[in-house]
Amino acid sequence: MLAAIDQFIRGTMAVMYQVALLQLEVFSFCKVNEVLSKRRRAKKTCVQFKRSFIILDTMGLLGQSVVGGEGV
């Protein structure tokens, strides 16, 4: 009877350790995922911001050349 209880306790302790390790792993994955998602969002907004300036600059240059061409 005592051997069965000891075996049950050892099995329960092993499961508790595995659960603790898995919780730690999930926590670390959540932190990494949060950092990566912030980076992805930052890159998208930065690229779109730069792209809009490039388009506006190009349109401005084209507008100047057309205006300069009409005046000549």
PDB file of N, CA and C in Angstrom:
ATOM      1  N   MET A   1       0.823  -1.193   0.000  1.00  0.00           N
ATOM      2  CA  MET A   1       0.000   0.000   0.000  1.00  0.00           C
ATOM      3  C   MET A   1       0.872   1.265   0.000  1.00  0.00           C
ATOM      4  N   LEU A   2       1.893   1.282   0.845  1.00  0.00           N
ATOM      5  CA  LEU A   2       2.775   2.447   0.895  1.00  0.00           C
ATOM      6  C   LEU A   2       3.570   2.606  -0.398  1.00  0.00           C
ATOM      7  N   ALA A   3       3.928   1.489  -1.011  1.00  0.00           N
ATOM      8  CA  ALA A   3       4.665   1.550  -2.275  1.00  0.00           C
ATOM      9  C   ALA A   3       3.804   2.175  -3.372  1.00  0.00           C
ATOM     10  N   ALA A   4       2.543   1.862  -3.384  1.00  0.00           N
ATOM     11  CA  ALA A   4       1.626   2.411  -4.385  1.00  0.00           C
ATOM     12  C   ALA A   4       1.476   3.920  -4.183  1.00  0.00           C
ATOM     13  N   ILE A   5       1.378   4.338  -2.920  1.00  0.00           N
ATOM     14  CA  ILE A   5       1.248   5.767  -2.625  1.00  0.00           C
ATOM     15  C   ILE A   5       2.527   6.500  -3.020  1.00  0.00           C
ATOM     16  N   ASP A   6       3.693   5.901  -2.698  1.00  0.00           N
ATOM     17  CA  ASP A   6       4.967   6.510  -3.083  1.00  0.00           C
ATOM     18  C   ASP A   6       5.075   6.642  -4.602  1.00  0.00           C
ATOM     19  N   GLN A   7       4.662   5.617  -5.316  1.00  0.00           N
ATOM     20  CA  GLN A   7       4.713   5.663  -6.779  1.00  0.00           C
ATOM     21  C   GLN A   7       3.773   6.743  -7.317  1.00  0.00           C
ATOM     22  N   PHE A   8       2.592   6.849  -6.713  1.00  0.00           N
ATOM     23  CA  PHE A   8       1.643   7.880  -7.120  1.00  0.00           C
ATOM     24  C   PHE A   8       2.219   9.277  -6.864  1.00  0.00           C
ATOM     25  N   ILE A   9       2.860   9.461  -5.732  1.00  0.00           N
ATOM     26  CA  ILE A   9       3.467  10.753  -5.394  1.00  0.00           C
ATOM     27  C   ILE A   9       4.584  11.088  -6.377  1.00  0.00           C
ATOM     28  N   ARG A  10       5.424  10.117  -6.704  1.00  0.00           N
ATOM     29  CA  ARG A  10       6.510  10.358  -7.667  1.00  0.00           C
ATOM     30  C   ARG A  10       5.953  10.718  -9.041  1.00  0.00           C
ATOM     31  N   GLY A  11       4.926  10.032  -9.469  1.00  0.00           N
ATOM     32  CA  GLY A  11       4.305  10.333 -10.762  1.00  0.00           C
ATOM     33  C   GLY A  11       3.688  11.723 -10.774  1.00  0.00           C
ATOM     34  N   THR A  12       3.037  12.075  -9.671  1.00  0.00           N
ATOM     35  CA  THR A  12       2.424  13.390  -9.564  1.00  0.00           C
ATOM     36  C   THR A  12       3.484  14.484  -9.576  1.00  0.00           C
ATOM     37  N   MET A  13       4.588  14.264  -8.872  1.00  0.00           N
ATOM     38  CA  MET A  13       5.680  15.245  -8.851  1.00  0.00           C
ATOM     39  C   MET A  13       6.282  15.418 -10.246  1.00  0.00           C
ATOM     40  N   ALA A  14       6.436  14.326 -10.976  1.00  0.00           N
ATOM     41  CA  ALA A  14       6.986  14.400 -12.332  1.00  0.00           C
ATOM     42  C   ALA A  14       6.062  15.223 -13.234  1.00  0.00           C
ATOM     43  N   VAL A  15       4.769  15.014 -13.115  1.00  0.00           N
ATOM     44  CA  VAL A  15       3.811  15.775 -13.916  1.00  0.00           C
ATOM     45  C   VAL A  15       3.842  17.248 -13.521  1.00  0.00           C
ATOM     46  N   MET A  16       3.983  17.529 -12.240  1.00  0.00           N
ATOM     47  CA  MET A  16       4.040  18.917 -11.781  1.00  0.00           C
ATOM     48  C   MET A  16       5.267  19.626 -12.352  1.00  0.00           C
ATOM     49  N   TYR A  17       6.414  18.947 -12.382  1.00  0.00           N
ATOM     50  CA  TYR A  17       7.628  19.538 -12.950  1.00  0.00           C
ATOM     51  C   TYR A  17       7.461  19.799 -14.447  1.00  0.00           C
ATOM     52  N   GLN A  18       6.846  18.852 -15.149  1.00  0.00           N
ATOM     53  CA  GLN A  18       6.620  19.033 -16.586  1.00  0.00           C
ATOM     54  C   GLN A  18       5.691  20.215 -16.852  1.00  0.00           C
ATOM     55  N   VAL A  19       4.660  20.357 -16.047  1.00  0.00           N
ATOM     56  CA  VAL A  19       3.731  21.475 -16.207  1.00  0.00           C
ATOM     57  C   VAL A  19       4.449  22.790 -15.944  1.00  0.00           C
ATOM     58  N   ALA A  20       5.292  22.829 -14.923  1.00  0.00           N
ATOM     59  CA  ALA A  20       6.030  24.052 -14.618  1.00  0.00           C
ATOM     60  C   ALA A  20       6.963  24.419 -15.772  1.00  0.00           C
ATOM     61  N   LEU A  21       7.653  23.439 -16.338  1.00  0.00           N
ATOM     62  CA  LEU A  21       8.541  23.708 -17.471  1.00  0.00           C
ATOM     63  C   LEU A  21       7.758  24.177 -18.701  1.00  0.00           C
ATOM     64  N   LEU A  22       6.626  23.564 -18.957  1.00  0.00           N
ATOM     65  CA  LEU A  22       5.809  23.970 -20.100  1.00  0.00           C
ATOM     66  C   LEU A  22       5.255  25.381 -19.917  1.00  0.00           C
ATOM     67  N   GLN A  23       4.870  25.733 -18.695  1.00  0.00           N
ATOM     68  CA  GLN A  23       4.377  27.088 -18.444  1.00  0.00           C
ATOM     69  C   GLN A  23       5.480  28.108 -18.686  1.00  0.00           C
ATOM     70  N   LEU A  24       6.692  27.800 -18.258  1.00  0.00           N
ATOM     71  CA  LEU A  24       7.824  28.690 -18.483  1.00  0.00           C
ATOM     72  C   LEU A  24       8.101  28.841 -19.978  1.00  0.00           C
ATOM     73  N   GLU A  25       8.011  27.749 -20.715  1.00  0.00           N
ATOM     74  CA  GLU A  25       8.249  27.777 -22.153  1.00  0.00           C
ATOM     75  C   GLU A  25       7.180  28.610 -22.869  1.00  0.00           C
ATOM     76  N   VAL A  26       5.930  28.443 -22.490  1.00  0.00           N
ATOM     77  CA  VAL A  26       4.843  29.215 -23.091  1.00  0.00           C
ATOM     78  C   VAL A  26       5.029  30.698 -22.782  1.00  0.00           C
ATOM     79  N   PHE A  27       5.421  31.024 -21.560  1.00  0.00           N
ATOM     80  CA  PHE A  27       5.648  32.410 -21.180  1.00  0.00           C
ATOM     81  C   PHE A  27       6.751  33.030 -22.032  1.00  0.00           C
ATOM     82  N   SER A  28       7.842  32.291 -22.228  1.00  0.00           N
ATOM     83  CA  SER A  28       8.938  32.831 -23.037  1.00  0.00           C
ATOM     84  C   SER A  28       8.517  32.979 -24.505  1.00  0.00           C
ATOM     85  N   PHE A  29       7.727  32.048 -25.029  1.00  0.00           N
ATOM     86  CA  PHE A  29       7.236  32.164 -26.403  1.00  0.00           C
ATOM     87  C   PHE A  29       6.321  33.375 -26.556  1.00  0.00           C
ATOM     88  N   CYS A  30       5.502  33.647 -25.552  1.00  0.00           N
ATOM     89  CA  CYS A  30       4.623  34.815 -25.615  1.00  0.00           C
ATOM     90  C   CYS A  30       5.432  36.105 -25.657  1.00  0.00           C
ATOM     91  N   LYS A  31       6.487  36.182 -24.861  1.00  0.00           N
ATOM     92  CA  LYS A  31       7.333  37.374 -24.855  1.00  0.00           C
ATOM     93  C   LYS A  31       8.013  37.558 -26.217  1.00  0.00           C
ATOM     94  N   VAL A  32       8.557  36.472 -26.770  1.00  0.00           N
ATOM     95  CA  VAL A  32       9.225  36.552 -28.072  1.00  0.00           C
ATOM     96  C   VAL A  32       8.226  36.943 -29.151  1.00  0.00           C
ATOM     97  N   ASN A  33       7.037  36.375 -29.105  1.00  0.00           N
ATOM     98  CA  ASN A  33       6.007  36.691 -30.090  1.00  0.00           C
ATOM     99  C   ASN A  33       5.604  38.161 -29.994  1.00  0.00           C
ATOM    100  N   GLU A  34       5.514  38.681 -28.788  1.00  0.00           N
ATOM    101  CA  GLU A  34       5.165  40.087 -28.602  1.00  0.00           C
ATOM    102  C   GLU A  34       6.230  41.001 -29.203  1.00  0.00           C
ATOM    103  N   VAL A  35       7.489  40.671 -28.980  1.00  0.00           N
ATOM    104  CA  VAL A  35       8.581  41.480 -29.532  1.00  0.00           C
ATOM    105  C   VAL A  35       8.580  41.424 -31.053  1.00  0.00           C
ATOM    106  N   LEU A  36       8.401  40.231 -31.611  1.00  0.00           N
ATOM    107  CA  LEU A  36       8.394  40.097 -33.064  1.00  0.00           C
ATOM    108  C   LEU A  36       7.219  40.817 -33.699  1.00  0.00           C
ATOM    109  N   SER A  37       6.061  40.752 -33.086  1.00  0.00           N
ATOM    110  CA  SER A  37       4.905  41.424 -33.664  1.00  0.00           C
ATOM    111  C   SER A  37       5.090  42.935 -33.620  1.00  0.00           C
ATOM    112  N   LYS A  38       5.736  43.460 -32.580  1.00  0.00           N
ATOM    113  CA  LYS A  38       6.026  44.894 -32.539  1.00  0.00           C
ATOM    114  C   LYS A  38       6.979  45.272 -33.664  1.00  0.00           C
ATOM    115  N   ARG A  39       7.986  44.440 -33.907  1.00  0.00           N
ATOM    116  CA  ARG A  39       8.934  44.719 -34.987  1.00  0.00           C
ATOM    117  C   ARG A  39       8.240  44.702 -36.336  1.00  0.00           C
ATOM    118  N   ARG A  40       7.369  43.731 -36.537  1.00  0.00           N
ATOM    119  CA  ARG A  40       6.670  43.641 -37.820  1.00  0.00           C
ATOM    120  C   ARG A  40       5.794  44.856 -38.057  1.00  0.00           C
ATOM    121  N   ARG A  41       5.089  45.294 -37.024  1.00  0.00           N
ATOM    122  CA  ARG A  41       4.243  46.478 -37.170  1.00  0.00           C
ATOM    123  C   ARG A  41       5.084  47.713 -37.443  1.00  0.00           C
ATOM    124  N   ALA A  42       6.216  47.844 -36.778  1.00  0.00           N
ATOM    125  CA  ALA A  42       7.073  49.013 -36.961  1.00  0.00           C
ATOM    126  C   ALA A  42       7.623  49.049 -38.381  1.00  0.00           C
ATOM    127  N   LYS A  43       8.025  47.908 -38.913  1.00  0.00           N
ATOM    128  CA  LYS A  43       8.567  47.872 -40.265  1.00  0.00           C
ATOM    129  C   LYS A  43       7.504  48.267 -41.281  1.00  0.00           C
ATOM    130  N   LYS A  44       6.282  47.803 -41.115  1.00  0.00           N
ATOM    131  CA  LYS A  44       5.228  48.121 -42.071  1.00  0.00           C
ATOM    132  C   LYS A  44       4.933  49.610 -42.075  1.00  0.00           C
ATOM    133  N   THR A  45       4.789  50.196 -40.905  1.00  0.00           N
ATOM    134  CA  THR A  45       4.461  51.615 -40.866  1.00  0.00           C
ATOM    135  C   THR A  45       5.619  52.441 -41.408  1.00  0.00           C
ATOM    136  N   CYS A  46       6.834  52.018 -41.137  1.00  0.00           N
ATOM    137  CA  CYS A  46       8.001  52.755 -41.610  1.00  0.00           C
ATOM    138  C   CYS A  46       8.084  52.671 -43.135  1.00  0.00           C
ATOM    139  N   VAL A  47       7.873  51.508 -43.709  1.00  0.00           N
ATOM    140  CA  VAL A  47       7.961  51.341 -45.159  1.00  0.00           C
ATOM    141  C   VAL A  47       6.861  52.136 -45.834  1.00  0.00           C
ATOM    142  N   GLN A  48       5.666  52.090 -45.314  1.00  0.00           N
ATOM    143  CA  GLN A  48       4.569  52.831 -45.922  1.00  0.00           C
ATOM    144  C   GLN A  48       4.825  54.330 -45.813  1.00  0.00           C
ATOM    145  N   PHE A  49       5.373  54.764 -44.708  1.00  0.00           N
ATOM    146  CA  PHE A  49       5.672  56.171 -44.510  1.00  0.00           C
ATOM    147  C   PHE A  49       6.701  56.634 -45.532  1.00  0.00           C
ATOM    148  N   LYS A  50       7.766  55.853 -45.717  1.00  0.00           N
ATOM    149  CA  LYS A  50       8.800  56.211 -46.682  1.00  0.00           C
ATOM    150  C   LYS A  50       8.260  56.146 -48.101  1.00  0.00           C
ATOM    151  N   ARG A  51       7.447  55.148 -48.372  1.00  0.00           N
ATOM    152  CA  ARG A  51       6.893  54.981 -49.713  1.00  0.00           C
ATOM    153  C   ARG A  51       6.029  56.181 -50.087  1.00  0.00           C
ATOM    154  N   SER A  52       5.245  56.687 -49.150  1.00  0.00           N
ATOM    155  CA  SER A  52       4.391  57.826 -49.473  1.00  0.00           C
ATOM    156  C   SER A  52       5.238  59.049 -49.795  1.00  0.00           C
ATOM    157  N   PHE A  53       6.362  59.231 -49.097  1.00  0.00           N
ATOM    158  CA  PHE A  53       7.237  60.350 -49.407  1.00  0.00           C
ATOM    159  C   PHE A  53       7.868  60.185 -50.784  1.00  0.00           C
ATOM    160  N   ILE A  54       8.245  58.978 -51.130  1.00  0.00           N
ATOM    161  CA  ILE A  54       8.850  58.741 -52.443  1.00  0.00           C
ATOM    162  C   ILE A  54       7.841  59.064 -53.540  1.00  0.00           C
ATOM    163  N   ILE A  55       6.609  58.657 -53.353  1.00  0.00           N
ATOM    164  CA  ILE A  55       5.568  58.919 -54.354  1.00  0.00           C
ATOM    165  C   ILE A  55       5.316  60.415 -54.454  1.00  0.00           C
ATOM    166  N   LEU A  56       5.237  61.090 -53.312  1.00  0.00           N
ATOM    167  CA  LEU A  56       4.992  62.529 -53.345  1.00  0.00           C
ATOM    168  C   LEU A  56       6.164  63.265 -53.985  1.00  0.00           C
ATOM    169  N   ASP A  57       7.401  62.864 -53.649  1.00  0.00           N
ATOM    170  CA  ASP A  57       8.566  63.504 -54.252  1.00  0.00           C
ATOM    171  C   ASP A  57       8.581  63.290 -55.764  1.00  0.00           C
ATOM    172  N   THR A  58       8.275  62.083 -56.193  1.00  0.00           N
ATOM    173  CA  THR A  58       8.265  61.788 -57.623  1.00  0.00           C
ATOM    174  C   THR A  58       7.188  62.601 -58.334  1.00  0.00           C
ATOM    175  N   MET A  59       6.026  62.686 -57.710  1.00  0.00           N
ATOM    176  CA  MET A  59       4.954  63.469 -58.325  1.00  0.00           C
ATOM    177  C   MET A  59       5.346  64.948 -58.387  1.00  0.00           C
ATOM    178  N   GLY A  60       6.035  65.425 -57.349  1.00  0.00           N
ATOM    179  CA  GLY A  60       6.480  66.810 -57.344  1.00  0.00           C
ATOM    180  C   GLY A  60       7.494  67.067 -58.433  1.00  0.00           C
ATOM    181  N   LEU A  61       8.423  66.136 -58.622  1.00  0.00           N
ATOM    182  CA  LEU A  61       9.429  66.296 -59.664  1.00  0.00           C
ATOM    183  C   LEU A  61       8.797  66.243 -61.049  1.00  0.00           C
ATOM    184  N   LEU A  62       7.848  65.335 -61.220  1.00  0.00           N
ATOM    185  CA  LEU A  62       7.169  65.253 -62.511  1.00  0.00           C
ATOM    186  C   LEU A  62       6.370  66.521 -62.777  1.00  0.00           C
ATOM    187  N   GLY A  63       5.736  67.034 -61.748  1.00  0.00           N
ATOM    188  CA  GLY A  63       4.970  68.257 -61.901  1.00  0.00           C
ATOM    189  C   GLY A  63       5.865  69.427 -62.257  1.00  0.00           C
ATOM    190  N   GLN A  64       7.053  69.491 -61.677  1.00  0.00           N
ATOM    191  CA  GLN A  64       7.983  70.579 -61.983  1.00  0.00           C
ATOM    192  C   GLN A  64       8.496  70.470 -63.413  1.00  0.00           C
ATOM    193  N   SER A  65       8.790  69.252 -63.850  1.00  0.00           N
ATOM    194  CA  SER A  65       9.299  69.102 -65.210  1.00  0.00           C
ATOM    195  C   SER A  65       8.218  69.418 -66.232  1.00  0.00           C
ATOM    196  N   VAL A  66       6.987  69.063 -65.929  1.00  0.00           N
ATOM    197  CA  VAL A  66       5.897  69.376 -66.854  1.00  0.00           C
ATOM    198  C   VAL A  66       5.675  70.878 -66.883  1.00  0.00           C
ATOM    199  N   VAL A  67       5.697  71.501 -65.719  1.00  0.00           N
ATOM    200  CA  VAL A  67       5.512  72.947 -65.665  1.00  0.00           C
ATOM    201  C   VAL A  67       6.675  73.636 -66.364  1.00  0.00           C
ATOM    202  N   GLY A  68       7.900  73.143 -66.141  1.00  0.00           N
ATOM    203  CA  GLY A  68       9.066  73.735 -66.791  1.00  0.00           C
ATOM    204  C   GLY A  68       9.035  73.507 -68.293  1.00  0.00           C
ATOM    205  N   GLY A  69       8.503  72.368 -68.717  1.00  0.00           N
ATOM    206  CA  GLY A  69       8.437  72.060 -70.160  1.00  0.00           C
ATOM    207  C   GLY A  69       7.404  72.928 -70.850  1.00  0.00           C
ATOM    208  N   GLU A  70       6.299  73.208 -70.148  1.00  0.00           N
ATOM    209  CA  GLU A  70       5.267  74.039 -70.770  1.00  0.00           C
ATOM    210  C   GLU A  70       5.740  75.479 -70.911  1.00  0.00           C
ATOM    211  N   GLY A  71       6.556  75.944 -69.962  1.00  0.00           N
ATOM    212  CA  GLY A  71       7.005  77.328 -69.990  1.00  0.00           C
ATOM    213  C   GLY A  71       8.031  77.581 -71.060  1.00  0.00           C
ATOM    214  N   VAL A  72       8.708  76.541 -71.542  1.00  0.00           N
ATOM    215  CA  VAL A  72       9.788  76.705 -72.525  1.00  0.00           C
ATOM    216  C   VAL A  72       9.255  76.753 -73.891  1.00  0.00           C
TER     217      VAL A  72
END
